[in-house]
Every structure is written in structure tokens, then in C-alpha cells.
Amino acid sequence: MAEKIVEMVTFLPPEIRVFFLSMVPITELRVAVPLGLALGIDPVTNYLYCVAGNLVPVLPILLFLNPVLKFMSRFPPLGRLIGRILKSAEEKRRKYEKFETAALVAFVAVPAPGTGAWTGSLLAFLSRMAVPRAFLAVSAGVLIAGLVVTLLSLGAIQLLARNLVYGLVFLAVILVLWFLLGRKRKQ
């Protein structure tokens, strides 16, 4: 099956392939950026196509998730489940209101499994963030994630690790940020 899908898209230019691959919830930038570089796309062009593709589903999710959930709630088992999820999200939202925009940017910016534009858009919806603010926060996170994945794919992190001084400074900055963010959550 996978081979047939690959055969179906090989006629497309590599830029269009990574653009579409960036839209897929599981792969997003984590797969599309390294693939584009492996296909020989210039890093800047690759970054732009992948980020653009990753941003395509954000606005539809933010705008249409509510009507979809309302429709699904008409069915009793789904309605109860959706009600519990929304109630839980509302209770947690109050704790994180001060940091919600920055936290959303940071969440989307980390190129790890379970993070990204799709999940960030869902979190923005669940926290009832205004659509323009949510779109800007998710977009900022996608721009950062695209840069991180591009740098990782190009080996910039390996270069940083080779130079011990820069590596230690980088580690110290990460630890300070982790400590500061942890303190703010406890307050």
C-alpha cells in the first residue's frame, strides 16, 4: 500500500511533495524537512514550503472544530466524552491563562511526537483562545520548529556539540529556562 502511495506522488516536484507531507498530522515538519533536504531542495526553499504546508490546516481546525464537535455531540456516547474533555480543559485553562500564548508557542515549537500545528491548534481550541491569537501563536511555533528541524537536519547541532564552550553555554541557557518556567508553574 505504502509503495503505491509513493509511486502516486513521485511525479510531483519535490517541493510539492514536502508541502503536502507537512500537512499530515503525524509527519508534519519532523519528516518533511529532512526529506526535502534529502531530495536536494535548497534549505531555505525547503523551509518555506514545509512551513507553508504545515500552516495550511491550522485555520480550518481553529474555525471548524467547534461545529464538528457540536455535530458529534448529538450522539450520546460521543457527547458525553466530548463534554468530559471540554470540562477538563476548562478547569485546566484557568491555571495557565497567564502563560497560554507563550506556552502554546513553546509547545508547537518543540519538534517532538505529539506536538506540532495540529495538536497546538487543538489545544488552542480547548483553551478557548481567540482565533487570531491562536493562529499567531501556532504560526510562531511552526516557524521555530521548522528552523530547529532544519538546523538539526543540516547538522548544526553537531557543530555546536563539537565546540565545548558553546555547547555548555547552550546547555546552561536551556537549564535556566527550564528552571524559570518550572517556578512559574508552581506559583
C-alpha atoms as a PDB file:
ATOM      1  CA  MET A   1       0.000   0.000   0.000  1.00  0.00           C
ATOM      2  CA  ALA A   2       2.717   2.467   1.003  1.00  0.00           C
ATOM      3  CA  GLU A   3       4.623   1.712  -2.188  1.00  0.00           C
ATOM      4  CA  LYS A   4       1.573   2.608  -4.276  1.00  0.00           C
ATOM      5  CA  ILE A   5       1.204   5.924  -2.457  1.00  0.00           C
ATOM      6  CA  VAL A   6       4.884   6.693  -3.034  1.00  0.00           C
ATOM      7  CA  GLU A   7       4.508   5.807  -6.726  1.00  0.00           C
ATOM      8  CA  MET A   8       1.478   8.103  -6.982  1.00  0.00           C
ATOM      9  CA  VAL A   9       3.369  11.159  -5.743  1.00  0.00           C
ATOM     10  CA  THR A  10       6.765  10.656  -7.387  1.00  0.00           C
ATOM     11  CA  PHE A  11       5.641  12.592 -10.450  1.00  0.00           C
ATOM     12  CA  LEU A  12       5.192  15.714  -8.308  1.00  0.00           C
ATOM     13  CA  PRO A  13       8.104  18.122  -7.875  1.00  0.00           C
ATOM     14  CA  PRO A  14       9.931  17.561  -4.553  1.00  0.00           C
ATOM     15  CA  GLU A  15       8.783  20.945  -3.200  1.00  0.00           C
ATOM     16  CA  ILE A  16       5.129  19.992  -3.648  1.00  0.00           C
ATOM     17  CA  ARG A  17       5.741  16.601  -2.024  1.00  0.00           C
ATOM     18  CA  VAL A  18       7.191  18.162   1.134  1.00  0.00           C
ATOM     19  CA  PHE A  19       4.456  20.822   1.129  1.00  0.00           C
ATOM     20  CA  PHE A  20       1.767  18.110   1.286  1.00  0.00           C
ATOM     21  CA  LEU A  21       3.736  15.916   3.678  1.00  0.00           C
ATOM     22  CA  SER A  22       3.979  18.870   6.080  1.00  0.00           C
ATOM     23  CA  MET A  23       0.171  18.968   6.265  1.00  0.00           C
ATOM     24  CA  VAL A  24      -0.124  15.400   7.560  1.00  0.00           C
ATOM     25  CA  PRO A  25      -0.703  15.313  11.349  1.00  0.00           C
ATOM     26  CA  ILE A  26       1.820  12.619  12.224  1.00  0.00           C
ATOM     27  CA  THR A  27       4.689  13.629   9.958  1.00  0.00           C
ATOM     28  CA  GLU A  28       4.395  17.433   9.874  1.00  0.00           C
ATOM     29  CA  LEU A  29       7.790  19.169   9.818  1.00  0.00           C
ATOM     30  CA  ARG A  30       9.662  16.359  11.575  1.00  0.00           C
ATOM     31  CA  VAL A  31       9.594  14.217   8.442  1.00  0.00           C
ATOM     32  CA  ALA A  32       9.034  16.727   5.650  1.00  0.00           C
ATOM     33  CA  VAL A  33      12.075  18.927   6.339  1.00  0.00           C
ATOM     34  CA  PRO A  34      14.694  16.135   6.357  1.00  0.00           C
ATOM     35  CA  LEU A  35      13.019  14.503   3.360  1.00  0.00           C
ATOM     36  CA  GLY A  36      13.135  17.755   1.388  1.00  0.00           C
ATOM     37  CA  LEU A  37      16.813  18.180   2.175  1.00  0.00           C
ATOM     38  CA  ALA A  38      17.453  14.567   1.171  1.00  0.00           C
ATOM     39  CA  LEU A  39      15.647  15.234  -2.106  1.00  0.00           C
ATOM     40  CA  GLY A  40      18.083  18.072  -2.777  1.00  0.00           C
ATOM     41  CA  ILE A  41      15.835  21.051  -2.116  1.00  0.00           C
ATOM     42  CA  ASP A  42      17.700  24.195  -1.067  1.00  0.00           C
ATOM     43  CA  PRO A  43      17.376  24.570   2.750  1.00  0.00           C
ATOM     44  CA  VAL A  44      15.634  27.974   2.600  1.00  0.00           C
ATOM     45  CA  THR A  45      13.200  26.867  -0.119  1.00  0.00           C
ATOM     46  CA  ASN A  46      12.571  23.627   1.757  1.00  0.00           C
ATOM     47  CA  TYR A  47      11.899  25.542   4.987  1.00  0.00           C
ATOM     48  CA  LEU A  48       9.400  27.842   3.268  1.00  0.00           C
ATOM     49  CA  TYR A  49       7.485  25.001   1.561  1.00  0.00           C
ATOM     50  CA  CYS A  50       7.384  22.894   4.727  1.00  0.00           C
ATOM     51  CA  VAL A  51       6.278  25.748   6.990  1.00  0.00           C
ATOM     52  CA  ALA A  52       3.619  26.834   4.495  1.00  0.00           C
ATOM     53  CA  GLY A  53       2.299  23.282   4.225  1.00  0.00           C
ATOM     54  CA  ASN A  54       2.285  22.848   7.997  1.00  0.00           C
ATOM     55  CA  LEU A  55       0.243  26.042   8.440  1.00  0.00           C
ATOM     56  CA  VAL A  56      -2.479  25.083   5.925  1.00  0.00           C
ATOM     57  CA  PRO A  57      -4.591  23.002   8.370  1.00  0.00           C
ATOM     58  CA  VAL A  58      -4.303  25.420  11.311  1.00  0.00           C
ATOM     59  CA  LEU A  59      -7.028  27.920  10.404  1.00  0.00           C
ATOM     60  CA  PRO A  60      -9.583  25.270   9.352  1.00  0.00           C
ATOM     61  CA  ILE A  61      -9.026  23.445  12.652  1.00  0.00           C
ATOM     62  CA  LEU A  62      -9.458  26.639  14.663  1.00  0.00           C
ATOM     63  CA  LEU A  63     -12.534  27.731  12.721  1.00  0.00           C
ATOM     64  CA  PHE A  64     -14.384  24.456  12.182  1.00  0.00           C
ATOM     65  CA  LEU A  65     -13.574  22.239  15.157  1.00  0.00           C
ATOM     66  CA  ASN A  66     -16.390  23.724  17.241  1.00  0.00           C
ATOM     67  CA  PRO A  67     -19.157  22.979  14.688  1.00  0.00           C
ATOM     68  CA  VAL A  68     -17.750  19.472  14.150  1.00  0.00           C
ATOM     69  CA  LEU A  69     -17.757  18.775  17.891  1.00  0.00           C
ATOM     70  CA  LYS A  70     -21.283  20.163  18.240  1.00  0.00           C
ATOM     71  CA  PHE A  71     -22.444  17.800  15.492  1.00  0.00           C
ATOM     72  CA  MET A  72     -20.641  14.844  17.083  1.00  0.00           C
ATOM     73  CA  SER A  73     -22.124  15.720  20.497  1.00  0.00           C
ATOM     74  CA  ARG A  74     -25.577  14.885  19.153  1.00  0.00           C
ATOM     75  CA  PHE A  75     -24.650  11.207  19.502  1.00  0.00           C
ATOM     76  CA  PRO A  76     -24.898  10.220  23.214  1.00  0.00           C
ATOM     77  CA  PRO A  77     -21.628   8.284  23.712  1.00  0.00           C
ATOM     78  CA  LEU A  78     -19.594  10.890  21.838  1.00  0.00           C
ATOM     79  CA  GLY A  79     -21.465  13.729  23.513  1.00  0.00           C
ATOM     80  CA  ARG A  80     -20.548  12.506  26.996  1.00  0.00           C
ATOM     81  CA  LEU A  81     -16.898  12.027  26.018  1.00  0.00           C
ATOM     82  CA  ILE A  82     -16.663  15.451  24.384  1.00  0.00           C
ATOM     83  CA  GLY A  83     -18.370  17.027  27.400  1.00  0.00           C
ATOM     84  CA  ARG A  84     -15.817  15.495  29.792  1.00  0.00           C
ATOM     85  CA  ILE A  85     -12.888  16.602  27.624  1.00  0.00           C
ATOM     86  CA  LEU A  86     -14.187  20.166  27.356  1.00  0.00           C
ATOM     87  CA  LYS A  87     -14.929  20.352  31.100  1.00  0.00           C
ATOM     88  CA  SER A  88     -11.430  19.127  31.942  1.00  0.00           C
ATOM     89  CA  ALA A  89      -9.875  21.590  29.502  1.00  0.00           C
ATOM     90  CA  GLU A  90     -11.874  24.452  31.047  1.00  0.00           C
ATOM     91  CA  GLU A  91     -10.668  23.566  34.558  1.00  0.00           C
ATOM     92  CA  LYS A  92      -7.027  23.438  33.423  1.00  0.00           C
ATOM     93  CA  ARG A  93      -7.342  26.582  31.321  1.00  0.00           C
ATOM     94  CA  ARG A  94      -7.781  28.781  34.384  1.00  0.00           C
ATOM     95  CA  LYS A  95      -4.394  27.662  35.756  1.00  0.00           C
ATOM     96  CA  TYR A  96      -2.476  28.533  32.603  1.00  0.00           C
ATOM     97  CA  GLU A  97      -4.263  31.652  31.335  1.00  0.00           C
ATOM     98  CA  LYS A  98      -1.288  33.909  32.105  1.00  0.00           C
ATOM     99  CA  PHE A  99       1.116  31.805  30.063  1.00  0.00           C
ATOM    100  CA  GLU A 100      -1.212  30.344  27.449  1.00  0.00           C
ATOM    101  CA  THR A 101       0.175  32.173  24.375  1.00  0.00           C
ATOM    102  CA  ALA A 102       3.839  31.650  25.266  1.00  0.00           C
ATOM    103  CA  ALA A 103       3.153  28.075  26.318  1.00  0.00           C
ATOM    104  CA  LEU A 104       1.379  27.364  23.034  1.00  0.00           C
ATOM    105  CA  VAL A 105       4.277  28.800  21.020  1.00  0.00           C
ATOM    106  CA  ALA A 106       6.751  26.697  23.012  1.00  0.00           C
ATOM    107  CA  PHE A 107       4.615  23.565  22.716  1.00  0.00           C
ATOM    108  CA  VAL A 108       4.326  23.824  18.940  1.00  0.00           C
ATOM    109  CA  ALA A 109       7.999  24.817  18.576  1.00  0.00           C
ATOM    110  CA  VAL A 110       9.292  21.589  20.107  1.00  0.00           C
ATOM    111  CA  PRO A 111       9.598  19.106  17.239  1.00  0.00           C
ATOM    112  CA  ALA A 112       8.654  16.026  19.248  1.00  0.00           C
ATOM    113  CA  PRO A 113       5.984  13.365  18.743  1.00  0.00           C
ATOM    114  CA  GLY A 114       2.601  14.659  19.875  1.00  0.00           C
ATOM    115  CA  THR A 115       3.480  18.316  19.371  1.00  0.00           C
ATOM    116  CA  GLY A 116       3.055  20.482  16.305  1.00  0.00           C
ATOM    117  CA  ALA A 117       0.488  22.555  14.455  1.00  0.00           C
ATOM    118  CA  TRP A 118      -2.347  20.016  14.663  1.00  0.00           C
ATOM    119  CA  THR A 119      -2.069  19.398  18.404  1.00  0.00           C
ATOM    120  CA  GLY A 120      -1.337  23.057  19.091  1.00  0.00           C
ATOM    121  CA  SER A 121      -4.484  24.079  17.217  1.00  0.00           C
ATOM    122  CA  LEU A 122      -6.485  21.568  19.235  1.00  0.00           C
ATOM    123  CA  LEU A 123      -5.020  22.898  22.491  1.00  0.00           C
ATOM    124  CA  ALA A 124      -5.803  26.478  21.450  1.00  0.00           C
ATOM    125  CA  PHE A 125      -9.385  25.448  20.733  1.00  0.00           C
ATOM    126  CA  LEU A 126      -9.721  23.608  24.050  1.00  0.00           C
ATOM    127  CA  SER A 127      -8.340  26.595  25.943  1.00  0.00           C
ATOM    128  CA  ARG A 128     -10.817  28.851  24.102  1.00  0.00           C
ATOM    129  CA  MET A 129      -8.077  31.115  22.819  1.00  0.00           C
ATOM    130  CA  ALA A 130      -9.237  33.724  20.318  1.00  0.00           C
ATOM    131  CA  VAL A 131      -8.699  32.515  16.757  1.00  0.00           C
ATOM    132  CA  PRO A 132      -6.373  35.342  15.635  1.00  0.00           C
ATOM    133  CA  ARG A 133      -4.208  34.962  18.751  1.00  0.00           C
ATOM    134  CA  ALA A 134      -4.180  31.179  18.445  1.00  0.00           C
ATOM    135  CA  PHE A 135      -3.245  31.345  14.770  1.00  0.00           C
ATOM    136  CA  LEU A 136      -0.353  33.712  15.507  1.00  0.00           C
ATOM    137  CA  ALA A 137       0.896  31.559  18.404  1.00  0.00           C
ATOM    138  CA  VAL A 138       0.734  28.317  16.402  1.00  0.00           C
ATOM    139  CA  SER A 139       2.354  30.066  13.427  1.00  0.00           C
ATOM    140  CA  ALA A 140       5.219  31.322  15.589  1.00  0.00           C
ATOM    141  CA  GLY A 141       5.704  27.812  16.959  1.00  0.00           C
ATOM    142  CA  VAL A 142       5.724  26.336  13.446  1.00  0.00           C
ATOM    143  CA  LEU A 143       8.310  28.902  12.296  1.00  0.00           C
ATOM    144  CA  ILE A 144      10.559  27.990  15.229  1.00  0.00           C
ATOM    145  CA  ALA A 145      10.025  24.238  14.821  1.00  0.00           C
ATOM    146  CA  GLY A 146      10.842  24.496  11.113  1.00  0.00           C
ATOM    147  CA  LEU A 147      14.074  26.279  11.944  1.00  0.00           C
ATOM    148  CA  VAL A 148      15.001  23.759  14.648  1.00  0.00           C
ATOM    149  CA  VAL A 149      14.328  20.761  12.404  1.00  0.00           C
ATOM    150  CA  THR A 150      16.201  22.393   9.520  1.00  0.00           C
ATOM    151  CA  LEU A 151      19.225  23.103  11.724  1.00  0.00           C
ATOM    152  CA  LEU A 152      19.138  19.598  13.176  1.00  0.00           C
ATOM    153  CA  SER A 153      18.857  18.127   9.698  1.00  0.00           C
ATOM    154  CA  LEU A 154      21.778  20.189   8.456  1.00  0.00           C
ATOM    155  CA  GLY A 155      23.908  19.103  11.398  1.00  0.00           C
ATOM    156  CA  ALA A 156      24.166  22.482  13.129  1.00  0.00           C
ATOM    157  CA  ILE A 157      23.598  20.869  16.496  1.00  0.00           C
ATOM    158  CA  GLN A 158      26.543  18.507  15.846  1.00  0.00           C
ATOM    159  CA  LEU A 159      28.731  21.536  15.131  1.00  0.00           C
ATOM    160  CA  LEU A 160      27.558  23.112  18.380  1.00  0.00           C
ATOM    161  CA  ALA A 161      28.323  19.938  20.329  1.00  0.00           C
ATOM    162  CA  ARG A 162      31.872  19.830  18.909  1.00  0.00           C
ATOM    163  CA  ASN A 163      32.658  23.186  20.408  1.00  0.00           C
ATOM    164  CA  LEU A 164      32.557  22.565  24.153  1.00  0.00           C
ATOM    165  CA  VAL A 165      32.210  26.208  25.231  1.00  0.00           C
ATOM    166  CA  TYR A 166      29.207  26.893  23.024  1.00  0.00           C
ATOM    167  CA  GLY A 167      27.731  23.545  23.999  1.00  0.00           C
ATOM    168  CA  LEU A 168      27.990  24.359  27.711  1.00  0.00           C
ATOM    169  CA  VAL A 169      26.500  27.834  27.204  1.00  0.00           C
ATOM    170  CA  PHE A 170      23.630  26.299  25.231  1.00  0.00           C
ATOM    171  CA  LEU A 171      23.032  23.728  27.983  1.00  0.00           C
ATOM    172  CA  ALA A 172      23.133  26.429  30.688  1.00  0.00           C
ATOM    173  CA  VAL A 173      20.555  28.546  28.853  1.00  0.00           C
ATOM    174  CA  ILE A 174      18.240  25.542  28.481  1.00  0.00           C
ATOM    175  CA  LEU A 175      18.569  24.673  32.185  1.00  0.00           C
ATOM    176  CA  VAL A 176      17.882  28.262  33.279  1.00  0.00           C
ATOM    177  CA  LEU A 177      14.782  28.449  31.066  1.00  0.00           C
ATOM    178  CA  TRP A 178      13.579  25.077  32.366  1.00  0.00           C
ATOM    179  CA  PHE A 179      14.082  26.231  35.972  1.00  0.00           C
ATOM    180  CA  LEU A 180      12.322  29.568  35.417  1.00  0.00           C
ATOM    181  CA  LEU A 181       9.356  28.000  33.626  1.00  0.00           C
ATOM    182  CA  GLY A 182       9.074  25.349  36.348  1.00  0.00           C
ATOM    183  CA  ARG A 183       8.993  28.013  39.079  1.00  0.00           C
ATOM    184  CA  LYS A 184       6.243  29.982  37.326  1.00  0.00           C
ATOM    185  CA  ARG A 185       4.044  26.879  37.113  1.00  0.00           C
ATOM    186  CA  LYS A 186       4.350  26.172  40.843  1.00  0.00           C
ATOM    187  CA  GLN A 187       3.343  29.721  41.859  1.00  0.00           C
END
